[in-house]
Full PDB file with SEQRES, HELIX, SHEET, SSBOND, CRYST1, ORIGX, SCALE, CONECT and MASTER records, all heavy atoms in Angstrom:
SEQRES   1 A   34  ASP ILE THR GLU CYS PHE THR GLU GLY ASP GLU VAL GLY          
SEQRES   2 A   34  GLU LEU LEU LEU ASP PHE LEU THR GLU VAL ILE GLY PHE          
SEQRES   3 A   34  SER LYS ASN ALA PRO GLU ASP LEU                              
HELIX    1 AA1 THR A    3  PHE A    6  5                                   4    
HELIX    2 AA2 GLU A   11  THR A   21  1                                  11    
HELIX    3 AA3 PHE A   26  ASN A   29  1                                   4    
CRYST1    1.000    1.000    1.000  90.00  90.00  90.00 P 1           1          
ORIGX1      1.000000  0.000000  0.000000        0.00000                         
ORIGX2      0.000000  1.000000  0.000000        0.00000                         
ORIGX3      0.000000  0.000000  1.000000        0.00000                         
SCALE1      1.000000  0.000000  0.000000        0.00000                         
SCALE2      0.000000  1.000000  0.000000        0.00000                         
SCALE3      0.000000  0.000000  1.000000        0.00000                         
ATOM      1  N   ASP A   1      -3.090   5.277  13.257  1.00  0.00           N  
ATOM      2  CA  ASP A   1      -3.910   5.145  12.055  1.00  0.00           C  
ATOM      3  C   ASP A   1      -3.532   3.837  11.344  1.00  0.00           C  
ATOM      4  O   ASP A   1      -2.401   3.679  10.881  1.00  0.00           O  
ATOM      5  CB  ASP A   1      -3.654   6.354  11.143  1.00  0.00           C  
ATOM      6  CG  ASP A   1      -4.572   6.376   9.917  1.00  0.00           C  
ATOM      7  OD1 ASP A   1      -5.110   5.315   9.542  1.00  0.00           O  
ATOM      8  OD2 ASP A   1      -4.730   7.463   9.338  1.00  0.00           O  
ATOM      9  N   ILE A   2      -4.476   2.889  11.278  1.00  0.00           N  
ATOM     10  CA  ILE A   2      -4.190   1.586  10.650  1.00  0.00           C  
ATOM     11  C   ILE A   2      -5.065   1.347   9.403  1.00  0.00           C  
ATOM     12  O   ILE A   2      -5.244   0.205   8.975  1.00  0.00           O  
ATOM     13  CB  ILE A   2      -4.378   0.429  11.661  1.00  0.00           C  
ATOM     14  CG1 ILE A   2      -5.831   0.351  12.177  1.00  0.00           C  
ATOM     15  CG2 ILE A   2      -3.392   0.534  12.814  1.00  0.00           C  
ATOM     16  CD1 ILE A   2      -6.168  -0.926  12.932  1.00  0.00           C  
ATOM     17  N   THR A   3      -5.583   2.424   8.830  1.00  0.00           N  
ATOM     18  CA  THR A   3      -6.557   2.318   7.726  1.00  0.00           C  
ATOM     19  C   THR A   3      -6.091   1.395   6.603  1.00  0.00           C  
ATOM     20  O   THR A   3      -6.856   0.565   6.097  1.00  0.00           O  
ATOM     21  CB  THR A   3      -6.855   3.725   7.158  1.00  0.00           C  
ATOM     22  OG1 THR A   3      -7.214   4.591   8.242  1.00  0.00           O  
ATOM     23  CG2 THR A   3      -7.980   3.684   6.139  1.00  0.00           C  
ATOM     24  N   GLU A   4      -4.807   1.517   6.203  1.00  0.00           N  
ATOM     25  CA  GLU A   4      -4.315   0.745   5.054  1.00  0.00           C  
ATOM     26  C   GLU A   4      -4.276  -0.760   5.300  1.00  0.00           C  
ATOM     27  O   GLU A   4      -4.165  -1.536   4.345  1.00  0.00           O  
ATOM     28  CB  GLU A   4      -2.905   1.225   4.645  1.00  0.00           C  
ATOM     29  CG  GLU A   4      -2.897   2.559   3.935  1.00  0.00           C  
ATOM     30  CD  GLU A   4      -2.909   3.733   4.902  1.00  0.00           C  
ATOM     31  OE1 GLU A   4      -3.035   3.488   6.120  1.00  0.00           O  
ATOM     32  OE2 GLU A   4      -2.820   4.878   4.454  1.00  0.00           O  
ATOM     33  N   CYS A   5      -4.359  -1.178   6.555  1.00  0.00           N  
ATOM     34  CA  CYS A   5      -4.357  -2.621   6.860  1.00  0.00           C  
ATOM     35  C   CYS A   5      -5.512  -3.348   6.173  1.00  0.00           C  
ATOM     36  O   CYS A   5      -5.444  -4.560   5.963  1.00  0.00           O  
ATOM     37  CB  CYS A   5      -4.472  -2.852   8.369  1.00  0.00           C  
ATOM     38  SG  CYS A   5      -3.007  -2.379   9.304  1.00  0.00           S  
ATOM     39  N   PHE A   6      -6.551  -2.615   5.845  1.00  0.00           N  
ATOM     40  CA  PHE A   6      -7.764  -3.242   5.311  1.00  0.00           C  
ATOM     41  C   PHE A   6      -7.832  -3.184   3.779  1.00  0.00           C  
ATOM     42  O   PHE A   6      -8.831  -3.549   3.183  1.00  0.00           O  
ATOM     43  CB  PHE A   6      -9.001  -2.585   5.938  1.00  0.00           C  
ATOM     44  CG  PHE A   6      -8.947  -2.650   7.444  1.00  0.00           C  
ATOM     45  CD1 PHE A   6      -8.469  -1.580   8.192  1.00  0.00           C  
ATOM     46  CD2 PHE A   6      -9.308  -3.811   8.112  1.00  0.00           C  
ATOM     47  CE1 PHE A   6      -8.378  -1.657   9.576  1.00  0.00           C  
ATOM     48  CE2 PHE A   6      -9.214  -3.897   9.487  1.00  0.00           C  
ATOM     49  CZ  PHE A   6      -8.748  -2.820  10.226  1.00  0.00           C  
ATOM     50  N   THR A   7      -6.722  -2.709   3.166  1.00  0.00           N  
ATOM     51  CA  THR A   7      -6.639  -2.702   1.695  1.00  0.00           C  
ATOM     52  C   THR A   7      -5.671  -3.801   1.272  1.00  0.00           C  
ATOM     53  O   THR A   7      -4.463  -3.702   1.520  1.00  0.00           O  
ATOM     54  CB  THR A   7      -6.136  -1.333   1.180  1.00  0.00           C  
ATOM     55  OG1 THR A   7      -7.004  -0.313   1.664  1.00  0.00           O  
ATOM     56  CG2 THR A   7      -6.106  -1.303  -0.341  1.00  0.00           C  
ATOM     57  N   GLU A   8      -6.210  -4.849   0.667  1.00  0.00           N  
ATOM     58  CA  GLU A   8      -5.412  -5.999   0.229  1.00  0.00           C  
ATOM     59  C   GLU A   8      -4.248  -5.540  -0.647  1.00  0.00           C  
ATOM     60  O   GLU A   8      -4.422  -4.762  -1.581  1.00  0.00           O  
ATOM     61  CB  GLU A   8      -6.311  -6.956  -0.575  1.00  0.00           C  
ATOM     62  CG  GLU A   8      -5.663  -8.279  -0.944  1.00  0.00           C  
ATOM     63  CD  GLU A   8      -5.751  -9.315   0.163  1.00  0.00           C  
ATOM     64  OE1 GLU A   8      -6.790  -9.390   0.840  1.00  0.00           O  
ATOM     65  OE2 GLU A   8      -4.759 -10.039   0.344  1.00  0.00           O  
ATOM     66  N   GLY A   9      -3.029  -6.004  -0.313  1.00  0.00           N  
ATOM     67  CA  GLY A   9      -1.854  -5.720  -1.143  1.00  0.00           C  
ATOM     68  C   GLY A   9      -1.218  -4.357  -0.913  1.00  0.00           C  
ATOM     69  O   GLY A   9      -0.203  -4.044  -1.541  1.00  0.00           O  
ATOM     70  N   ASP A  10      -1.788  -3.542  -0.035  1.00  0.00           N  
ATOM     71  CA  ASP A  10      -1.205  -2.224   0.241  1.00  0.00           C  
ATOM     72  C   ASP A  10       0.085  -2.399   1.048  1.00  0.00           C  
ATOM     73  O   ASP A  10       0.092  -3.027   2.107  1.00  0.00           O  
ATOM     74  CB  ASP A  10      -2.202  -1.362   1.026  1.00  0.00           C  
ATOM     75  CG  ASP A  10      -1.705   0.060   1.213  1.00  0.00           C  
ATOM     76  OD1 ASP A  10      -0.843   0.275   2.097  1.00  0.00           O  
ATOM     77  OD2 ASP A  10      -2.157   0.945   0.481  1.00  0.00           O  
ATOM     78  N   GLU A  11       1.191  -1.836   0.545  1.00  0.00           N  
ATOM     79  CA  GLU A  11       2.501  -2.063   1.168  1.00  0.00           C  
ATOM     80  C   GLU A  11       2.558  -1.517   2.600  1.00  0.00           C  
ATOM     81  O   GLU A  11       3.071  -2.164   3.515  1.00  0.00           O  
ATOM     82  CB  GLU A  11       3.595  -1.416   0.312  1.00  0.00           C  
ATOM     83  CG  GLU A  11       4.982  -1.879   0.683  1.00  0.00           C  
ATOM     84  CD  GLU A  11       6.078  -1.235  -0.176  1.00  0.00           C  
ATOM     85  OE1 GLU A  11       5.763  -0.726  -1.265  1.00  0.00           O  
ATOM     86  OE2 GLU A  11       7.221  -1.233   0.275  1.00  0.00           O  
ATOM     87  N   VAL A  12       2.026  -0.314   2.784  1.00  0.00           N  
ATOM     88  CA  VAL A  12       1.991   0.291   4.130  1.00  0.00           C  
ATOM     89  C   VAL A  12       1.140  -0.570   5.071  1.00  0.00           C  
ATOM     90  O   VAL A  12       1.532  -0.863   6.200  1.00  0.00           O  
ATOM     91  CB  VAL A  12       1.434   1.735   4.065  1.00  0.00           C  
ATOM     92  CG1 VAL A  12       1.078   2.259   5.449  1.00  0.00           C  
ATOM     93  CG2 VAL A  12       2.459   2.656   3.408  1.00  0.00           C  
ATOM     94  N   GLY A  13      -0.024  -1.000   4.567  1.00  0.00           N  
ATOM     95  CA  GLY A  13      -0.917  -1.842   5.368  1.00  0.00           C  
ATOM     96  C   GLY A  13      -0.260  -3.149   5.772  1.00  0.00           C  
ATOM     97  O   GLY A  13      -0.400  -3.609   6.916  1.00  0.00           O  
ATOM     98  N   GLU A  14       0.486  -3.767   4.845  1.00  0.00           N  
ATOM     99  CA  GLU A  14       1.145  -5.043   5.140  1.00  0.00           C  
ATOM    100  C   GLU A  14       2.226  -4.868   6.206  1.00  0.00           C  
ATOM    101  O   GLU A  14       2.387  -5.709   7.093  1.00  0.00           O  
ATOM    102  CB  GLU A  14       1.736  -5.640   3.854  1.00  0.00           C  
ATOM    103  CG  GLU A  14       0.644  -6.155   2.920  1.00  0.00           C  
ATOM    104  CD  GLU A  14       1.177  -6.884   1.694  1.00  0.00           C  
ATOM    105  OE1 GLU A  14       2.401  -6.874   1.481  1.00  0.00           O  
ATOM    106  OE2 GLU A  14       0.345  -7.468   0.964  1.00  0.00           O  
ATOM    107  N   LEU A  15       2.952  -3.762   6.119  1.00  0.00           N  
ATOM    108  CA  LEU A  15       4.006  -3.485   7.107  1.00  0.00           C  
ATOM    109  C   LEU A  15       3.392  -3.230   8.487  1.00  0.00           C  
ATOM    110  O   LEU A  15       3.891  -3.724   9.506  1.00  0.00           O  
ATOM    111  CB  LEU A  15       4.812  -2.269   6.634  1.00  0.00           C  
ATOM    112  CG  LEU A  15       6.289  -2.177   7.022  1.00  0.00           C  
ATOM    113  CD1 LEU A  15       7.037  -3.467   6.778  1.00  0.00           C  
ATOM    114  CD2 LEU A  15       6.950  -1.022   6.268  1.00  0.00           C  
ATOM    115  N   LEU A  16       2.300  -2.463   8.519  1.00  0.00           N  
ATOM    116  CA  LEU A  16       1.612  -2.214   9.795  1.00  0.00           C  
ATOM    117  C   LEU A  16       1.056  -3.504  10.391  1.00  0.00           C  
ATOM    118  O   LEU A  16       1.138  -3.732  11.604  1.00  0.00           O  
ATOM    119  CB  LEU A  16       0.473  -1.206   9.601  1.00  0.00           C  
ATOM    120  CG  LEU A  16       0.877   0.266   9.454  1.00  0.00           C  
ATOM    121  CD1 LEU A  16      -0.330   1.102   9.060  1.00  0.00           C  
ATOM    122  CD2 LEU A  16       1.502   0.801  10.740  1.00  0.00           C  
ATOM    123  N   LEU A  17       0.514  -4.377   9.530  1.00  0.00           N  
ATOM    124  CA  LEU A  17      -0.014  -5.662  10.012  1.00  0.00           C  
ATOM    125  C   LEU A  17       1.096  -6.532  10.591  1.00  0.00           C  
ATOM    126  O   LEU A  17       0.901  -7.212  11.595  1.00  0.00           O  
ATOM    127  CB  LEU A  17      -0.711  -6.412   8.876  1.00  0.00           C  
ATOM    128  CG  LEU A  17      -2.219  -6.213   8.745  1.00  0.00           C  
ATOM    129  CD1 LEU A  17      -2.743  -6.955   7.528  1.00  0.00           C  
ATOM    130  CD2 LEU A  17      -2.964  -6.679  10.009  1.00  0.00           C  
ATOM    131  N   ASP A  18       2.265  -6.505   9.941  1.00  0.00           N  
ATOM    132  CA  ASP A  18       3.415  -7.250  10.488  1.00  0.00           C  
ATOM    133  C   ASP A  18       3.743  -6.735  11.886  1.00  0.00           C  
ATOM    134  O   ASP A  18       4.016  -7.513  12.801  1.00  0.00           O  
ATOM    135  CB  ASP A  18       4.642  -7.078   9.588  1.00  0.00           C  
ATOM    136  CG  ASP A  18       4.585  -7.951   8.349  1.00  0.00           C  
ATOM    137  OD1 ASP A  18       3.499  -8.495   8.048  1.00  0.00           O  
ATOM    138  OD2 ASP A  18       5.621  -8.091   7.674  1.00  0.00           O  
ATOM    139  N   PHE A  19       3.714  -5.399  12.039  1.00  0.00           N  
ATOM    140  CA  PHE A  19       4.060  -4.825  13.350  1.00  0.00           C  
ATOM    141  C   PHE A  19       3.004  -5.179  14.396  1.00  0.00           C  
ATOM    142  O   PHE A  19       3.326  -5.540  15.526  1.00  0.00           O  
ATOM    143  CB  PHE A  19       4.210  -3.305  13.243  1.00  0.00           C  
ATOM    144  CG  PHE A  19       4.823  -2.705  14.482  1.00  0.00           C  
ATOM    145  CD1 PHE A  19       6.181  -2.789  14.711  1.00  0.00           C  
ATOM    146  CD2 PHE A  19       4.022  -2.073  15.430  1.00  0.00           C  
ATOM    147  CE1 PHE A  19       6.746  -2.263  15.869  1.00  0.00           C  
ATOM    148  CE2 PHE A  19       4.576  -1.539  16.578  1.00  0.00           C  
ATOM    149  CZ  PHE A  19       5.946  -1.638  16.803  1.00  0.00           C  
ATOM    150  N   LEU A  20       1.746  -5.093  14.018  1.00  0.00           N  
ATOM    151  CA  LEU A  20       0.649  -5.377  14.956  1.00  0.00           C  
ATOM    152  C   LEU A  20       0.638  -6.837  15.410  1.00  0.00           C  
ATOM    153  O   LEU A  20       0.337  -7.137  16.558  1.00  0.00           O  
ATOM    154  CB  LEU A  20      -0.696  -5.032  14.304  1.00  0.00           C  
ATOM    155  CG  LEU A  20      -1.038  -3.540  14.222  1.00  0.00           C  
ATOM    156  CD1 LEU A  20      -2.094  -3.294  13.155  1.00  0.00           C  
ATOM    157  CD2 LEU A  20      -1.513  -3.029  15.582  1.00  0.00           C  
ATOM    158  N   THR A  21       0.980  -7.735  14.493  1.00  0.00           N  
ATOM    159  CA  THR A  21       0.908  -9.173  14.816  1.00  0.00           C  
ATOM    160  C   THR A  21       2.262  -9.749  15.208  1.00  0.00           C  
ATOM    161  O   THR A  21       2.334 -10.878  15.698  1.00  0.00           O  
ATOM    162  CB  THR A  21       0.393  -9.969  13.602  1.00  0.00           C  
ATOM    163  OG1 THR A  21       1.280  -9.753  12.486  1.00  0.00           O  
ATOM    164  CG2 THR A  21      -1.025  -9.543  13.225  1.00  0.00           C  
ATOM    165  N   GLU A  22       3.354  -8.967  14.992  1.00  0.00           N  
ATOM    166  CA  GLU A  22       4.733  -9.429  15.216  1.00  0.00           C  
ATOM    167  C   GLU A  22       5.054 -10.653  14.366  1.00  0.00           C  
ATOM    168  O   GLU A  22       5.799 -11.549  14.775  1.00  0.00           O  
ATOM    169  CB  GLU A  22       4.972  -9.750  16.711  1.00  0.00           C  
ATOM    170  CG  GLU A  22       4.936  -8.534  17.618  1.00  0.00           C  
ATOM    171  CD  GLU A  22       6.275  -7.815  17.717  1.00  0.00           C  
ATOM    172  OE1 GLU A  22       7.286  -8.372  17.284  1.00  0.00           O  
ATOM    173  OE2 GLU A  22       6.290  -6.680  18.222  1.00  0.00           O  
ATOM    174  N   VAL A  23       4.463 -10.702  13.160  1.00  0.00           N  
ATOM    175  CA  VAL A  23       4.663 -11.839  12.252  1.00  0.00           C  
ATOM    176  C   VAL A  23       5.200 -11.312  10.920  1.00  0.00           C  
ATOM    177  O   VAL A  23       4.701 -10.318  10.386  1.00  0.00           O  
ATOM    178  CB  VAL A  23       3.332 -12.603  12.030  1.00  0.00           C  
ATOM    179  CG1 VAL A  23       3.446 -13.587  10.855  1.00  0.00           C  
ATOM    180  CG2 VAL A  23       2.918 -13.333  13.298  1.00  0.00           C  
ATOM    181  N   ILE A  24       6.229 -11.988  10.372  1.00  0.00           N  
ATOM    182  CA  ILE A  24       6.771 -11.602   9.067  1.00  0.00           C  
ATOM    183  C   ILE A  24       5.761 -11.960   7.971  1.00  0.00           C  
ATOM    184  O   ILE A  24       5.325 -13.107   7.882  1.00  0.00           O  
ATOM    185  CB  ILE A  24       8.102 -12.340   8.780  1.00  0.00           C  
ATOM    186  CG1 ILE A  24       9.175 -11.967   9.824  1.00  0.00           C  
ATOM    187  CG2 ILE A  24       8.611 -12.018   7.373  1.00  0.00           C  
ATOM    188  CD1 ILE A  24      10.418 -12.832   9.770  1.00  0.00           C  
ATOM    189  N   GLY A  25       5.384 -10.980   7.161  1.00  0.00           N  
ATOM    190  CA  GLY A  25       4.482 -11.218   6.039  1.00  0.00           C  
ATOM    191  C   GLY A  25       3.148 -11.804   6.473  1.00  0.00           C  
ATOM    192  O   GLY A  25       2.642 -12.742   5.852  1.00  0.00           O  
ATOM    193  N   PHE A  26       2.565 -11.233   7.503  1.00  0.00           N  
ATOM    194  CA  PHE A  26       1.325 -11.791   8.069  1.00  0.00           C  
ATOM    195  C   PHE A  26       0.230 -11.945   7.011  1.00  0.00           C  
ATOM    196  O   PHE A  26      -0.408 -12.992   6.907  1.00  0.00           O  
ATOM    197  CB  PHE A  26       0.812 -10.911   9.218  1.00  0.00           C  
ATOM    198  CG  PHE A  26      -0.499 -11.392   9.795  1.00  0.00           C  
ATOM    199  CD1 PHE A  26      -0.527 -12.451  10.683  1.00  0.00           C  
ATOM    200  CD2 PHE A  26      -1.707 -10.795   9.430  1.00  0.00           C  
ATOM    201  CE1 PHE A  26      -1.737 -12.912  11.206  1.00  0.00           C  
ATOM    202  CE2 PHE A  26      -2.911 -11.249   9.944  1.00  0.00           C  
ATOM    203  CZ  PHE A  26      -2.928 -12.308  10.835  1.00  0.00           C  
ATOM    204  N   SER A  27       0.015 -10.898   6.198  1.00  0.00           N  
ATOM    205  CA  SER A  27      -1.109 -10.948   5.257  1.00  0.00           C  
ATOM    206  C   SER A  27      -0.904 -12.013   4.171  1.00  0.00           C  
ATOM    207  O   SER A  27      -1.863 -12.538   3.621  1.00  0.00           O  
ATOM    208  CB  SER A  27      -1.360  -9.583   4.618  1.00  0.00           C  
ATOM    209  OG  SER A  27      -0.228  -9.179   3.887  1.00  0.00           O  
ATOM    210  N   LYS A  28       0.360 -12.366   3.892  1.00  0.00           N  
ATOM    211  CA  LYS A  28       0.637 -13.398   2.881  1.00  0.00           C  
ATOM    212  C   LYS A  28       0.720 -14.800   3.494  1.00  0.00           C  
ATOM    213  O   LYS A  28       0.380 -15.797   2.847  1.00  0.00           O  
ATOM    214  CB  LYS A  28       1.962 -13.090   2.176  1.00  0.00           C  
ATOM    215  CG  LYS A  28       1.932 -11.842   1.300  1.00  0.00           C  
ATOM    216  CD  LYS A  28       3.220 -11.728   0.481  1.00  0.00           C  
ATOM    217  CE  LYS A  28       3.182 -10.531  -0.454  1.00  0.00           C  
ATOM    218  NZ  LYS A  28       3.463  -9.275   0.239  1.00  0.00           N  
ATOM    219  N   ASN A  29       1.194 -14.884   4.743  1.00  0.00           N  
ATOM    220  CA  ASN A  29       1.527 -16.193   5.317  1.00  0.00           C  
ATOM    221  C   ASN A  29       0.525 -16.751   6.318  1.00  0.00           C  
ATOM    222  O   ASN A  29       0.532 -17.949   6.602  1.00  0.00           O  
ATOM    223  CB  ASN A  29       2.912 -16.122   5.993  1.00  0.00           C  
ATOM    224  CG  ASN A  29       4.008 -15.765   5.007  1.00  0.00           C  
ATOM    225  OD1 ASN A  29       4.000 -16.246   3.882  1.00  0.00           O  
ATOM    226  ND2 ASN A  29       4.948 -14.918   5.414  1.00  0.00           N  
ATOM    227  N   ALA A  30      -0.330 -15.888   6.876  1.00  0.00           N  
ATOM    228  CA  ALA A  30      -1.280 -16.376   7.890  1.00  0.00           C  
ATOM    229  C   ALA A  30      -2.412 -17.157   7.224  1.00  0.00           C  
ATOM    230  O   ALA A  30      -2.844 -16.814   6.125  1.00  0.00           O  
ATOM    231  CB  ALA A  30      -1.851 -15.196   8.672  1.00  0.00           C  
ATOM    232  N   PRO A  31      -2.918 -18.209   7.891  1.00  0.00           N  
ATOM    233  CA  PRO A  31      -4.097 -18.906   7.370  1.00  0.00           C  
ATOM    234  C   PRO A  31      -5.267 -17.921   7.227  1.00  0.00           C  
ATOM    235  O   PRO A  31      -5.373 -16.958   7.998  1.00  0.00           O  
ATOM    236  CB  PRO A  31      -4.403 -19.951   8.448  1.00  0.00           C  
ATOM    237  CG  PRO A  31      -3.174 -20.037   9.292  1.00  0.00           C  
ATOM    238  CD  PRO A  31      -2.452 -18.748   9.168  1.00  0.00           C  
ATOM    239  N   GLU A  32      -6.141 -18.170   6.268  1.00  0.00           N  
ATOM    240  CA  GLU A  32      -7.239 -17.239   5.974  1.00  0.00           C  
ATOM    241  C   GLU A  32      -8.117 -16.963   7.196  1.00  0.00           C  
ATOM    242  O   GLU A  32      -8.510 -15.825   7.436  1.00  0.00           O  
ATOM    243  CB  GLU A  32      -8.107 -17.774   4.829  1.00  0.00           C  
ATOM    244  CG  GLU A  32      -7.591 -17.443   3.436  1.00  0.00           C  
ATOM    245  CD  GLU A  32      -7.322 -15.950   3.206  1.00  0.00           C  
ATOM    246  OE1 GLU A  32      -8.198 -15.122   3.555  1.00  0.00           O  
ATOM    247  OE2 GLU A  32      -6.246 -15.607   2.700  1.00  0.00           O  
ATOM    248  N   ASP A  33      -8.411 -18.010   7.991  1.00  0.00           N  
ATOM    249  CA  ASP A  33      -9.298 -17.791   9.146  1.00  0.00           C  
ATOM    250  C   ASP A  33      -8.643 -16.896  10.193  1.00  0.00           C  
ATOM    251  O   ASP A  33      -9.297 -16.047  10.801  1.00  0.00           O  
ATOM    252  CB  ASP A  33      -9.755 -19.130   9.758  1.00  0.00           C  
ATOM    253  CG  ASP A  33      -8.590 -19.997  10.217  1.00  0.00           C  
ATOM    254  OD1 ASP A  33      -7.465 -19.810   9.703  1.00  0.00           O  
ATOM    255  OD2 ASP A  33      -8.790 -20.859  11.097  1.00  0.00           O  
ATOM    256  N   LEU A  34      -7.326 -17.051  10.395  1.00  0.00           N  
ATOM    257  CA  LEU A  34      -6.607 -16.202  11.354  1.00  0.00           C  
ATOM    258  C   LEU A  34      -6.551 -14.764  10.831  1.00  0.00           C  
ATOM    259  O   LEU A  34      -6.800 -13.811  11.579  1.00  0.00           O  
ATOM    260  CB  LEU A  34      -5.192 -16.742  11.586  1.00  0.00           C  
ATOM    261  CG  LEU A  34      -4.293 -15.909  12.509  1.00  0.00           C  
ATOM    262  CD1 LEU A  34      -4.905 -15.764  13.904  1.00  0.00           C  
ATOM    263  CD2 LEU A  34      -2.892 -16.527  12.602  1.00  0.00           C  
TER     264      LEU A  34                                                      
MASTER        0    0    0    3    0    0    0    6  263    1    0    3          
END                                                                             
């Protein structure tokens, strides 16, 4: 279940996105287009 990934600023979503992309702080650090 990755639902929270699509809610900006959601802590659970941000952690799941880091795991999915293997990137630290993906939602804060990735370029907007990526």
